[in-house]
Amino acid sequence: MEEDAAFLRYGYLSTEKAAAVRAEVAKLCSELRPHALGLVSSFGVPGAFLSPIAFNWIDSNAWSSSSA
């Protein structure tokens, strides 16, 4: 939904409902964020497949999204 406005363009969602969905996605992402490292680690993806940010996840994500 974030990248494709077809839901709005074709009238599947009103702008108000689309805003509510975006707010809910942001809320859910903030709830998931503290668990992201453990969740990703549990998949056992080899380091060669991870981007450089994955190796320093804590420092790379130390900023607060609420202060942006």
PDB file of N, CA and C in Angstrom:
ATOM      1  N   MET A   1       0.813  -1.197   0.000  1.00  0.00           N
ATOM      2  CA  MET A   1       0.000   0.000   0.000  1.00  0.00           C
ATOM      3  C   MET A   1       0.849   1.250   0.000  1.00  0.00           C
ATOM      4  N   GLU A   2       1.967   1.214   0.693  1.00  0.00           N
ATOM      5  CA  GLU A   2       2.812   2.398   0.774  1.00  0.00           C
ATOM      6  C   GLU A   2       3.353   2.781  -0.598  1.00  0.00           C
ATOM      7  N   GLU A   3       3.641   1.801  -1.423  1.00  0.00           N
ATOM      8  CA  GLU A   3       4.291   2.067  -2.689  1.00  0.00           C
ATOM      9  C   GLU A   3       3.338   2.083  -3.881  1.00  0.00           C
ATOM     10  N   ASP A   4       2.108   1.685  -3.692  1.00  0.00           N
ATOM     11  CA  ASP A   4       1.164   1.614  -4.809  1.00  0.00           C
ATOM     12  C   ASP A   4      -0.151   2.255  -4.402  1.00  0.00           C
ATOM     13  N   ALA A   5      -0.466   3.364  -5.020  1.00  0.00           N
ATOM     14  CA  ALA A   5      -1.670   4.121  -4.666  1.00  0.00           C
ATOM     15  C   ALA A   5      -2.933   3.572  -5.338  1.00  0.00           C
ATOM     16  N   ALA A   6      -2.855   2.384  -5.915  1.00  0.00           N
ATOM     17  CA  ALA A   6      -4.009   1.822  -6.613  1.00  0.00           C
ATOM     18  C   ALA A   6      -5.206   1.663  -5.683  1.00  0.00           C
ATOM     19  N   PHE A   7      -4.959   1.356  -4.422  1.00  0.00           N
ATOM     20  CA  PHE A   7      -6.058   1.212  -3.468  1.00  0.00           C
ATOM     21  C   PHE A   7      -6.864   2.508  -3.385  1.00  0.00           C
ATOM     22  N   LEU A   8      -6.165   3.625  -3.418  1.00  0.00           N
ATOM     23  CA  LEU A   8      -6.849   4.918  -3.378  1.00  0.00           C
ATOM     24  C   LEU A   8      -7.407   5.282  -4.747  1.00  0.00           C
ATOM     25  N   ARG A   9      -6.593   5.092  -5.757  1.00  0.00           N
ATOM     26  CA  ARG A   9      -6.972   5.479  -7.121  1.00  0.00           C
ATOM     27  C   ARG A   9      -8.256   4.785  -7.569  1.00  0.00           C
ATOM     28  N   TYR A  10      -8.421   3.535  -7.235  1.00  0.00           N
ATOM     29  CA  TYR A  10      -9.596   2.791  -7.677  1.00  0.00           C
ATOM     30  C   TYR A  10     -10.700   2.738  -6.632  1.00  0.00           C
ATOM     31  N   GLY A  11     -10.535   3.508  -5.573  1.00  0.00           N
ATOM     32  CA  GLY A  11     -11.595   3.647  -4.592  1.00  0.00           C
ATOM     33  C   GLY A  11     -11.767   2.491  -3.624  1.00  0.00           C
ATOM     34  N   TYR A  12     -10.758   1.625  -3.515  1.00  0.00           N
ATOM     35  CA  TYR A  12     -10.867   0.516  -2.565  1.00  0.00           C
ATOM     36  C   TYR A  12     -10.788   1.004  -1.124  1.00  0.00           C
ATOM     37  N   LEU A  13     -10.043   2.090  -0.918  1.00  0.00           N
ATOM     38  CA  LEU A  13      -9.899   2.680   0.411  1.00  0.00           C
ATOM     39  C   LEU A  13     -10.096   4.184   0.323  1.00  0.00           C
ATOM     40  N   SER A  14     -10.716   4.747   1.312  1.00  0.00           N
ATOM     41  CA  SER A  14     -10.806   6.203   1.386  1.00  0.00           C
ATOM     42  C   SER A  14      -9.459   6.719   1.882  1.00  0.00           C
ATOM     43  N   THR A  15      -9.208   7.992   1.726  1.00  0.00           N
ATOM     44  CA  THR A  15      -7.950   8.555   2.211  1.00  0.00           C
ATOM     45  C   THR A  15      -7.854   8.418   3.728  1.00  0.00           C
ATOM     46  N   GLU A  16      -8.988   8.514   4.416  1.00  0.00           N
ATOM     47  CA  GLU A  16      -8.987   8.368   5.875  1.00  0.00           C
ATOM     48  C   GLU A  16      -8.602   6.944   6.282  1.00  0.00           C
ATOM     49  N   LYS A  17      -9.167   5.967   5.587  1.00  0.00           N
ATOM     50  CA  LYS A  17      -8.845   4.568   5.924  1.00  0.00           C
ATOM     51  C   LYS A  17      -7.402   4.250   5.552  1.00  0.00           C
ATOM     52  N   ALA A  18      -6.924   4.812   4.451  1.00  0.00           N
ATOM     53  CA  ALA A  18      -5.527   4.599   4.064  1.00  0.00           C
ATOM     54  C   ALA A  18      -4.600   5.190   5.122  1.00  0.00           C
ATOM     55  N   ALA A  19      -4.948   6.359   5.651  1.00  0.00           N
ATOM     56  CA  ALA A  19      -4.150   6.973   6.715  1.00  0.00           C
ATOM     57  C   ALA A  19      -4.175   6.105   7.967  1.00  0.00           C
ATOM     58  N   ALA A  20      -5.329   5.515   8.271  1.00  0.00           N
ATOM     59  CA  ALA A  20      -5.441   4.638   9.440  1.00  0.00           C
ATOM     60  C   ALA A  20      -4.585   3.384   9.252  1.00  0.00           C
ATOM     61  N   VAL A  21      -4.558   2.850   8.042  1.00  0.00           N
ATOM     62  CA  VAL A  21      -3.736   1.671   7.760  1.00  0.00           C
ATOM     63  C   VAL A  21      -2.262   2.025   7.920  1.00  0.00           C
ATOM     64  N   ARG A  22      -1.836   3.167   7.382  1.00  0.00           N
ATOM     65  CA  ARG A  22      -0.438   3.581   7.518  1.00  0.00           C
ATOM     66  C   ARG A  22      -0.065   3.752   8.992  1.00  0.00           C
ATOM     67  N   ALA A  23      -0.960   4.335   9.776  1.00  0.00           N
ATOM     68  CA  ALA A  23      -0.697   4.522  11.205  1.00  0.00           C
ATOM     69  C   ALA A  23      -0.575   3.171  11.913  1.00  0.00           C
ATOM     70  N   GLU A  24      -1.427   2.234  11.553  1.00  0.00           N
ATOM     71  CA  GLU A  24      -1.378   0.902  12.174  1.00  0.00           C
ATOM     72  C   GLU A  24      -0.094   0.170  11.791  1.00  0.00           C
ATOM     73  N   VAL A  25       0.326   0.293  10.541  1.00  0.00           N
ATOM     74  CA  VAL A  25       1.572  -0.329  10.106  1.00  0.00           C
ATOM     75  C   VAL A  25       2.742   0.246  10.900  1.00  0.00           C
ATOM     76  N   ALA A  26       2.768   1.564  11.076  1.00  0.00           N
ATOM     77  CA  ALA A  26       3.838   2.198  11.845  1.00  0.00           C
ATOM     78  C   ALA A  26       3.827   1.700  13.290  1.00  0.00           C
ATOM     79  N   LYS A  27       2.644   1.571  13.873  1.00  0.00           N
ATOM     80  CA  LYS A  27       2.516   1.087  15.253  1.00  0.00           C
ATOM     81  C   LYS A  27       3.027  -0.355  15.364  1.00  0.00           C
ATOM     82  N   LEU A  28       2.621  -1.197  14.436  1.00  0.00           N
ATOM     83  CA  LEU A  28       3.049  -2.594  14.465  1.00  0.00           C
ATOM     84  C   LEU A  28       4.551  -2.729  14.249  1.00  0.00           C
ATOM     85  N   CYS A  29       5.107  -1.913  13.363  1.00  0.00           N
ATOM     86  CA  CYS A  29       6.555  -1.946  13.133  1.00  0.00           C
ATOM     87  C   CYS A  29       7.305  -1.535  14.392  1.00  0.00           C
ATOM     88  N   SER A  30       6.793  -0.533  15.105  1.00  0.00           N
ATOM     89  CA  SER A  30       7.468  -0.103  16.337  1.00  0.00           C
ATOM     90  C   SER A  30       7.383  -1.189  17.410  1.00  0.00           C
ATOM     91  N   GLU A  31       6.307  -1.962  17.424  1.00  0.00           N
ATOM     92  CA  GLU A  31       6.192  -3.064  18.373  1.00  0.00           C
ATOM     93  C   GLU A  31       7.130  -4.219  18.007  1.00  0.00           C
ATOM     94  N   LEU A  32       7.318  -4.430  16.729  1.00  0.00           N
ATOM     95  CA  LEU A  32       8.171  -5.518  16.245  1.00  0.00           C
ATOM     96  C   LEU A  32       9.650  -5.171  16.331  1.00  0.00           C
ATOM     97  N   ARG A  33       9.972  -3.904  16.235  1.00  0.00           N
ATOM     98  CA  ARG A  33      11.358  -3.456  16.153  1.00  0.00           C
ATOM     99  C   ARG A  33      12.263  -4.041  17.234  1.00  0.00           C
ATOM    100  N   PRO A  34      11.882  -4.062  18.511  1.00  0.00           N
ATOM    101  CA  PRO A  34      12.790  -4.617  19.522  1.00  0.00           C
ATOM    102  C   PRO A  34      13.074  -6.107  19.338  1.00  0.00           C
ATOM    103  N   HIS A  35      12.261  -6.783  18.577  1.00  0.00           N
ATOM    104  CA  HIS A  35      12.405  -8.226  18.379  1.00  0.00           C
ATOM    105  C   HIS A  35      13.023  -8.573  17.024  1.00  0.00           C
ATOM    106  N   ALA A  36      13.315  -7.564  16.218  1.00  0.00           N
ATOM    107  CA  ALA A  36      13.765  -7.796  14.847  1.00  0.00           C
ATOM    108  C   ALA A  36      15.066  -8.579  14.772  1.00  0.00           C
ATOM    109  N   LEU A  37      16.039  -8.224  15.596  1.00  0.00           N
ATOM    110  CA  LEU A  37      17.332  -8.906  15.534  1.00  0.00           C
ATOM    111  C   LEU A  37      17.183 -10.392  15.846  1.00  0.00           C
ATOM    112  N   GLY A  38      16.465 -10.709  16.907  1.00  0.00           N
ATOM    113  CA  GLY A  38      16.252 -12.116  17.245  1.00  0.00           C
ATOM    114  C   GLY A  38      15.462 -12.849  16.181  1.00  0.00           C
ATOM    115  N   LEU A  39      14.476 -12.185  15.632  1.00  0.00           N
ATOM    116  CA  LEU A  39      13.652 -12.800  14.590  1.00  0.00           C
ATOM    117  C   LEU A  39      14.478 -13.113  13.349  1.00  0.00           C
ATOM    118  N   VAL A  40      15.250 -12.146  12.898  1.00  0.00           N
ATOM    119  CA  VAL A  40      16.081 -12.358  11.707  1.00  0.00           C
ATOM    120  C   VAL A  40      17.147 -13.408  11.988  1.00  0.00           C
ATOM    121  N   SER A  41      17.742 -13.358  13.170  1.00  0.00           N
ATOM    122  CA  SER A  41      18.765 -14.351  13.531  1.00  0.00           C
ATOM    123  C   SER A  41      18.196 -15.766  13.520  1.00  0.00           C
ATOM    124  N   SER A  42      16.939 -15.898  13.899  1.00  0.00           N
ATOM    125  CA  SER A  42      16.326 -17.228  13.954  1.00  0.00           C
ATOM    126  C   SER A  42      16.181 -17.875  12.586  1.00  0.00           C
ATOM    127  N   PHE A  43      16.233 -17.081  11.521  1.00  0.00           N
ATOM    128  CA  PHE A  43      16.138 -17.646  10.173  1.00  0.00           C
ATOM    129  C   PHE A  43      17.441 -18.316   9.749  1.00  0.00           C
ATOM    130  N   GLY A  44      18.558 -17.987  10.420  1.00  0.00           N
ATOM    131  CA  GLY A  44      19.838 -18.613  10.100  1.00  0.00           C
ATOM    132  C   GLY A  44      20.387 -18.231   8.742  1.00  0.00           C
ATOM    133  N   VAL A  45      20.134 -17.011   8.293  1.00  0.00           N
ATOM    134  CA  VAL A  45      20.635 -16.565   6.995  1.00  0.00           C
ATOM    135  C   VAL A  45      22.155 -16.394   7.093  1.00  0.00           C
ATOM    136  N   PRO A  46      22.911 -16.992   6.176  1.00  0.00           N
ATOM    137  CA  PRO A  46      24.369 -16.851   6.209  1.00  0.00           C
ATOM    138  C   PRO A  46      24.790 -15.389   6.075  1.00  0.00           C
ATOM    139  N   GLY A  47      25.858 -15.021   6.768  1.00  0.00           N
ATOM    140  CA  GLY A  47      26.341 -13.650   6.756  1.00  0.00           C
ATOM    141  C   GLY A  47      26.616 -13.117   5.362  1.00  0.00           C
ATOM    142  N   ALA A  48      27.026 -13.974   4.443  1.00  0.00           N
ATOM    143  CA  ALA A  48      27.333 -13.535   3.079  1.00  0.00           C
ATOM    144  C   ALA A  48      26.105 -12.964   2.368  1.00  0.00           C
ATOM    145  N   PHE A  49      24.920 -13.321   2.822  1.00  0.00           N
ATOM    146  CA  PHE A  49      23.700 -12.850   2.193  1.00  0.00           C
ATOM    147  C   PHE A  49      23.145 -11.583   2.847  1.00  0.00           C
ATOM    148  N   LEU A  50      23.752 -11.157   3.944  1.00  0.00           N
ATOM    149  CA  LEU A  50      23.259  -9.996   4.670  1.00  0.00           C
ATOM    150  C   LEU A  50      23.975  -8.734   4.204  1.00  0.00           C
ATOM    151  N   SER A  51      23.268  -7.628   4.239  1.00  0.00           N
ATOM    152  CA  SER A  51      23.891  -6.356   3.882  1.00  0.00           C
ATOM    153  C   SER A  51      24.746  -5.884   5.056  1.00  0.00           C
ATOM    154  N   PRO A  52      25.656  -4.943   4.818  1.00  0.00           N
ATOM    155  CA  PRO A  52      26.537  -4.472   5.906  1.00  0.00           C
ATOM    156  C   PRO A  52      25.776  -3.953   7.121  1.00  0.00           C
ATOM    157  N   ILE A  53      24.594  -3.371   6.930  1.00  0.00           N
ATOM    158  CA  ILE A  53      23.839  -2.842   8.063  1.00  0.00           C
ATOM    159  C   ILE A  53      23.450  -3.958   9.035  1.00  0.00           C
ATOM    160  N   ALA A  54      23.306  -5.165   8.532  1.00  0.00           N
ATOM    161  CA  ALA A  54      22.893  -6.279   9.379  1.00  0.00           C
ATOM    162  C   ALA A  54      23.964  -6.632  10.410  1.00  0.00           C
ATOM    163  N   PHE A  55      25.217  -6.341  10.111  1.00  0.00           N
ATOM    164  CA  PHE A  55      26.288  -6.694  11.028  1.00  0.00           C
ATOM    165  C   PHE A  55      26.437  -5.683  12.160  1.00  0.00           C
ATOM    166  N   ASN A  56      25.868  -4.533  12.012  1.00  0.00           N
ATOM    167  CA  ASN A  56      25.927  -3.521  13.066  1.00  0.00           C
ATOM    168  C   ASN A  56      24.520  -2.982  13.272  1.00  0.00           C
ATOM    169  N   TRP A  57      23.564  -3.890  13.420  1.00  0.00           N
ATOM    170  CA  TRP A  57      22.150  -3.534  13.503  1.00  0.00           C
ATOM    171  C   TRP A  57      21.869  -2.605  14.668  1.00  0.00           C
ATOM    172  N   ILE A  58      22.432  -2.859  15.808  1.00  0.00           N
ATOM    173  CA  ILE A  58      22.128  -2.060  16.996  1.00  0.00           C
ATOM    174  C   ILE A  58      22.577  -0.620  16.806  1.00  0.00           C
ATOM    175  N   ASP A  59      23.821  -0.410  16.366  1.00  0.00           N
ATOM    176  CA  ASP A  59      24.290   0.956  16.131  1.00  0.00           C
ATOM    177  C   ASP A  59      23.533   1.621  14.987  1.00  0.00           C
ATOM    178  N   SER A  60      23.230   0.858  13.946  1.00  0.00           N
ATOM    179  CA  SER A  60      22.539   1.422  12.784  1.00  0.00           C
ATOM    180  C   SER A  60      21.108   1.813  13.108  1.00  0.00           C
ATOM    181  N   ASN A  61      20.530   1.196  14.127  1.00  0.00           N
ATOM    182  CA  ASN A  61      19.144   1.479  14.488  1.00  0.00           C
ATOM    183  C   ASN A  61      19.010   2.128  15.861  1.00  0.00           C
ATOM    184  N   ALA A  62      20.082   2.746  16.320  1.00  0.00           N
ATOM    185  CA  ALA A  62      20.070   3.376  17.642  1.00  0.00           C
ATOM    186  C   ALA A  62      19.255   4.659  17.662  1.00  0.00           C
ATOM    187  N   TRP A  63      19.048   5.270  16.509  1.00  0.00           N
ATOM    188  CA  TRP A  63      18.261   6.508  16.464  1.00  0.00           C
ATOM    189  C   TRP A  63      16.815   6.192  16.731  1.00  0.00           C
ATOM    190  N   SER A  64      16.105   7.142  17.241  1.00  0.00           N
ATOM    191  CA  SER A  64      14.695   6.965  17.557  1.00  0.00           C
ATOM    192  C   SER A  64      13.852   7.469  16.411  1.00  0.00           C
ATOM    193  N   SER A  65      12.977   6.641  15.897  1.00  0.00           N
ATOM    194  CA  SER A  65      12.105   7.063  14.799  1.00  0.00           C
ATOM    195  C   SER A  65      11.134   8.153  15.260  1.00  0.00           C
ATOM    196  N   SER A  66      10.893   8.252  16.553  1.00  0.00           N
ATOM    197  CA  SER A  66       9.988   9.282  17.039  1.00  0.00           C
ATOM    198  C   SER A  66      10.653  10.660  17.076  1.00  0.00           C
ATOM    199  N   SER A  67      11.982  10.705  16.999  1.00  0.00           N
ATOM    200  CA  SER A  67      12.671  11.994  17.004  1.00  0.00           C
ATOM    201  C   SER A  67      12.941  12.497  15.594  1.00  0.00           C
ATOM    202  N   ALA A  68      12.616  11.717  14.585  1.00  0.00           N
ATOM    203  CA  ALA A  68      12.870  12.119  13.199  1.00  0.00           C
ATOM    204  C   ALA A  68      11.823  13.100  12.720  1.00  0.00           C
TER     205      ALA A  68
END
